[in-house]
Amino acid sequence: MTTNSFPMRFSHGAGQMALLPDHAPDLNPVKYLWVRLQRGALARSCPRSLSESKITLRNELRSGQRRQSIVTACWKQAGLW
């Protein structure tokens, strides 16, 4: 299977799923999401414990889920949109 065939999209109800290549980080929008997290909220936080770190990460991920523009930007940066 070539990277030209990615992403393969499937719809079911209101949700969509896309299969992405395993070993092509430049085509993986999750990479861009992690960069955004590392340079944003995680860079500004100084957690005192692992649980505080998890809370910060979870809150930022939820914030990104609610903002469609962030998700779209990650897909566009990967060249898959």
N, C-alpha and C. Protein backbone atom coordinates (compact mmCIF):
# COMPACT_ATOMS: atom_id res chain seq x y z
N MET A 1 0.84 -1.17 0.00
CA MET A 1 0.00 0.00 0.00
C MET A 1 0.89 1.24 0.00
N THR A 2 0.60 2.19 -0.83
CA THR A 2 1.41 3.40 -0.91
C THR A 2 0.82 4.50 -0.06
N THR A 3 1.63 5.49 0.22
CA THR A 3 1.13 6.60 1.03
C THR A 3 0.12 7.44 0.25
N ASN A 4 0.07 7.28 -1.08
CA ASN A 4 -0.92 8.01 -1.87
C ASN A 4 -2.33 7.57 -1.56
N SER A 5 -2.48 6.36 -1.04
CA SER A 5 -3.82 5.86 -0.74
C SER A 5 -4.29 6.28 0.65
N PHE A 6 -3.47 7.00 1.38
CA PHE A 6 -3.85 7.45 2.72
C PHE A 6 -4.32 8.88 2.69
N PRO A 7 -5.16 9.32 3.58
CA PRO A 7 -5.83 8.50 4.57
C PRO A 7 -7.04 7.81 3.97
N MET A 8 -7.30 6.60 4.41
CA MET A 8 -8.52 5.89 4.02
C MET A 8 -9.57 6.28 5.05
N ARG A 9 -10.66 6.86 4.59
CA ARG A 9 -11.67 7.37 5.53
C ARG A 9 -12.90 6.48 5.53
N PHE A 10 -13.45 6.31 6.70
CA PHE A 10 -14.66 5.54 6.89
C PHE A 10 -15.62 6.36 7.74
N SER A 11 -16.89 6.35 7.39
CA SER A 11 -17.88 7.08 8.17
C SER A 11 -18.86 6.10 8.79
N HIS A 12 -19.27 6.41 10.00
CA HIS A 12 -20.29 5.64 10.68
C HIS A 12 -21.05 6.60 11.58
N GLY A 13 -22.27 6.92 11.22
CA GLY A 13 -23.03 7.87 12.01
C GLY A 13 -22.40 9.25 11.95
N ALA A 14 -22.20 9.85 13.10
CA ALA A 14 -21.64 11.20 13.16
C ALA A 14 -20.12 11.20 13.17
N GLY A 15 -19.50 10.04 13.41
CA GLY A 15 -18.04 9.98 13.51
C GLY A 15 -17.37 9.53 12.23
N GLN A 16 -16.10 9.85 12.11
CA GLN A 16 -15.29 9.40 10.98
C GLN A 16 -14.01 8.80 11.51
N MET A 17 -13.49 7.82 10.78
CA MET A 17 -12.22 7.22 11.14
C MET A 17 -11.33 7.24 9.92
N ALA A 18 -10.06 7.53 10.11
CA ALA A 18 -9.10 7.54 9.01
C ALA A 18 -7.93 6.64 9.38
N LEU A 19 -7.57 5.73 8.47
CA LEU A 19 -6.41 4.88 8.68
C LEU A 19 -5.19 5.60 8.14
N LEU A 20 -4.16 5.71 8.95
CA LEU A 20 -2.95 6.43 8.57
C LEU A 20 -1.79 5.45 8.44
N PRO A 21 -0.76 5.82 7.68
CA PRO A 21 0.40 4.93 7.55
C PRO A 21 1.11 4.75 8.88
N ASP A 22 1.64 3.53 9.10
CA ASP A 22 2.31 3.21 10.36
C ASP A 22 3.62 3.97 10.55
N HIS A 23 4.47 3.94 9.56
CA HIS A 23 5.83 4.46 9.71
C HIS A 23 6.09 5.65 8.81
N ALA A 24 5.24 6.63 8.88
CA ALA A 24 5.42 7.85 8.10
C ALA A 24 5.05 9.04 8.98
N PRO A 25 5.92 9.43 9.91
CA PRO A 25 5.57 10.50 10.84
C PRO A 25 5.24 11.82 10.17
N ASP A 26 5.79 12.06 8.98
CA ASP A 26 5.48 13.30 8.28
C ASP A 26 4.05 13.31 7.76
N LEU A 27 3.41 12.13 7.66
CA LEU A 27 2.02 12.05 7.23
C LEU A 27 1.06 11.84 8.39
N ASN A 28 1.55 11.94 9.60
CA ASN A 28 0.73 11.67 10.77
C ASN A 28 0.36 12.98 11.47
N PRO A 29 -0.93 13.35 11.43
CA PRO A 29 -1.34 14.61 12.06
C PRO A 29 -1.15 14.62 13.58
N VAL A 30 -1.04 13.46 14.20
CA VAL A 30 -0.83 13.40 15.65
C VAL A 30 0.51 14.02 16.02
N LYS A 31 1.50 13.87 15.14
CA LYS A 31 2.82 14.48 15.38
C LYS A 31 2.69 15.99 15.57
N TYR A 32 1.88 16.62 14.75
CA TYR A 32 1.70 18.07 14.83
C TYR A 32 0.92 18.46 16.09
N LEU A 33 0.02 17.60 16.51
CA LEU A 33 -0.70 17.85 17.76
C LEU A 33 0.27 17.82 18.95
N TRP A 34 1.18 16.85 18.98
CA TRP A 34 2.16 16.76 20.07
C TRP A 34 3.08 17.97 20.08
N VAL A 35 3.49 18.42 18.90
CA VAL A 35 4.35 19.61 18.83
C VAL A 35 3.61 20.81 19.41
N ARG A 36 2.32 20.94 19.07
CA ARG A 36 1.51 22.04 19.60
C ARG A 36 1.42 21.97 21.12
N LEU A 37 1.22 20.77 21.64
CA LEU A 37 1.14 20.60 23.09
C LEU A 37 2.48 20.91 23.77
N GLN A 38 3.56 20.40 23.19
CA GLN A 38 4.89 20.60 23.79
C GLN A 38 5.30 22.06 23.81
N ARG A 39 4.96 22.79 22.77
CA ARG A 39 5.36 24.20 22.69
C ARG A 39 4.36 25.13 23.37
N GLY A 40 3.18 24.60 23.68
CA GLY A 40 2.13 25.42 24.28
C GLY A 40 2.01 25.18 25.77
N ALA A 41 0.91 24.55 26.15
CA ALA A 41 0.57 24.38 27.56
C ALA A 41 1.60 23.59 28.34
N LEU A 42 2.18 22.57 27.75
CA LEU A 42 3.15 21.77 28.49
C LEU A 42 4.44 22.54 28.74
N ALA A 43 4.79 23.44 27.84
CA ALA A 43 5.99 24.26 28.03
C ALA A 43 5.77 25.30 29.12
N ARG A 44 4.52 25.74 29.28
CA ARG A 44 4.21 26.77 30.28
C ARG A 44 3.92 26.20 31.66
N SER A 45 3.76 24.88 31.76
CA SER A 45 3.39 24.30 33.05
C SER A 45 4.61 23.74 33.78
N CYS A 46 4.49 23.68 35.07
CA CYS A 46 5.55 23.12 35.91
C CYS A 46 4.86 22.22 36.95
N PRO A 47 4.43 21.04 36.52
CA PRO A 47 3.68 20.18 37.43
C PRO A 47 4.55 19.67 38.57
N ARG A 48 3.93 19.52 39.72
CA ARG A 48 4.64 19.03 40.91
C ARG A 48 4.56 17.51 41.03
N SER A 49 3.66 16.93 40.24
CA SER A 49 3.50 15.47 40.31
C SER A 49 3.04 14.95 38.95
N LEU A 50 3.08 13.65 38.82
CA LEU A 50 2.62 13.02 37.59
C LEU A 50 1.13 13.27 37.39
N SER A 51 0.36 13.26 38.47
CA SER A 51 -1.08 13.49 38.33
C SER A 51 -1.38 14.91 37.84
N GLU A 52 -0.61 15.90 38.29
CA GLU A 52 -0.80 17.27 37.78
C GLU A 52 -0.46 17.34 36.29
N SER A 53 0.58 16.63 35.90
CA SER A 53 0.97 16.59 34.50
C SER A 53 -0.13 15.96 33.65
N LYS A 54 -0.71 14.88 34.14
CA LYS A 54 -1.80 14.20 33.42
C LYS A 54 -3.01 15.12 33.28
N ILE A 55 -3.32 15.86 34.33
CA ILE A 55 -4.47 16.78 34.29
C ILE A 55 -4.25 17.86 33.24
N THR A 56 -3.05 18.44 33.22
CA THR A 56 -2.72 19.47 32.23
C THR A 56 -2.84 18.92 30.82
N LEU A 57 -2.27 17.76 30.60
CA LEU A 57 -2.31 17.14 29.27
C LEU A 57 -3.75 16.82 28.86
N ARG A 58 -4.51 16.24 29.77
CA ARG A 58 -5.90 15.89 29.47
C ARG A 58 -6.73 17.14 29.14
N ASN A 59 -6.55 18.20 29.91
CA ASN A 59 -7.29 19.44 29.65
C ASN A 59 -6.94 20.04 28.29
N GLU A 60 -5.66 20.02 27.94
CA GLU A 60 -5.25 20.55 26.64
C GLU A 60 -5.78 19.71 25.49
N LEU A 61 -5.76 18.39 25.64
CA LEU A 61 -6.29 17.52 24.59
C LEU A 61 -7.79 17.74 24.42
N ARG A 62 -8.51 17.89 25.52
CA ARG A 62 -9.95 18.16 25.43
C ARG A 62 -10.22 19.51 24.78
N SER A 63 -9.41 20.49 25.11
CA SER A 63 -9.55 21.81 24.51
C SER A 63 -9.36 21.72 22.99
N GLY A 64 -8.37 20.95 22.57
CA GLY A 64 -8.12 20.77 21.14
C GLY A 64 -9.26 20.04 20.44
N GLN A 65 -9.88 19.10 21.13
CA GLN A 65 -11.01 18.37 20.54
C GLN A 65 -12.20 19.30 20.31
N ARG A 66 -12.38 20.25 21.19
CA ARG A 66 -13.53 21.16 21.06
C ARG A 66 -13.30 22.23 20.00
N ARG A 67 -12.04 22.44 19.62
CA ARG A 67 -11.72 23.47 18.63
C ARG A 67 -11.35 22.80 17.31
N GLN A 68 -12.32 22.73 16.42
CA GLN A 68 -12.15 22.06 15.14
C GLN A 68 -10.98 22.64 14.34
N SER A 69 -10.70 23.93 14.51
CA SER A 69 -9.62 24.56 13.74
C SER A 69 -8.26 23.94 14.06
N ILE A 70 -8.05 23.51 15.30
CA ILE A 70 -6.78 22.89 15.68
C ILE A 70 -6.64 21.53 15.01
N VAL A 71 -7.69 20.74 15.05
CA VAL A 71 -7.67 19.42 14.41
C VAL A 71 -7.44 19.57 12.91
N THR A 72 -8.16 20.49 12.29
CA THR A 72 -8.01 20.73 10.85
C THR A 72 -6.59 21.18 10.52
N ALA A 73 -6.02 22.06 11.34
CA ALA A 73 -4.66 22.55 11.08
C ALA A 73 -3.64 21.42 11.13
N CYS A 74 -3.80 20.48 12.06
CA CYS A 74 -2.87 19.35 12.14
C CYS A 74 -2.96 18.48 10.89
N TRP A 75 -4.17 18.26 10.39
CA TRP A 75 -4.34 17.48 9.16
C TRP A 75 -3.75 18.22 7.96
N LYS A 76 -3.95 19.52 7.92
CA LYS A 76 -3.41 20.31 6.80
C LYS A 76 -1.89 20.32 6.82
N GLN A 77 -1.29 20.45 8.00
CA GLN A 77 0.17 20.44 8.10
C GLN A 77 0.75 19.12 7.61
N ALA A 78 0.03 18.04 7.83
CA ALA A 78 0.49 16.73 7.37
C ALA A 78 0.23 16.54 5.88
N GLY A 79 -0.48 17.49 5.25
CA GLY A 79 -0.77 17.39 3.83
C GLY A 79 -1.86 16.40 3.50
N LEU A 80 -2.72 16.11 4.47
CA LEU A 80 -3.77 15.11 4.28
C LEU A 80 -5.16 15.71 4.17
N TRP A 81 -5.26 17.02 4.17
CA TRP A 81 -6.59 17.67 4.13
C TRP A 81 -6.84 18.23 2.77
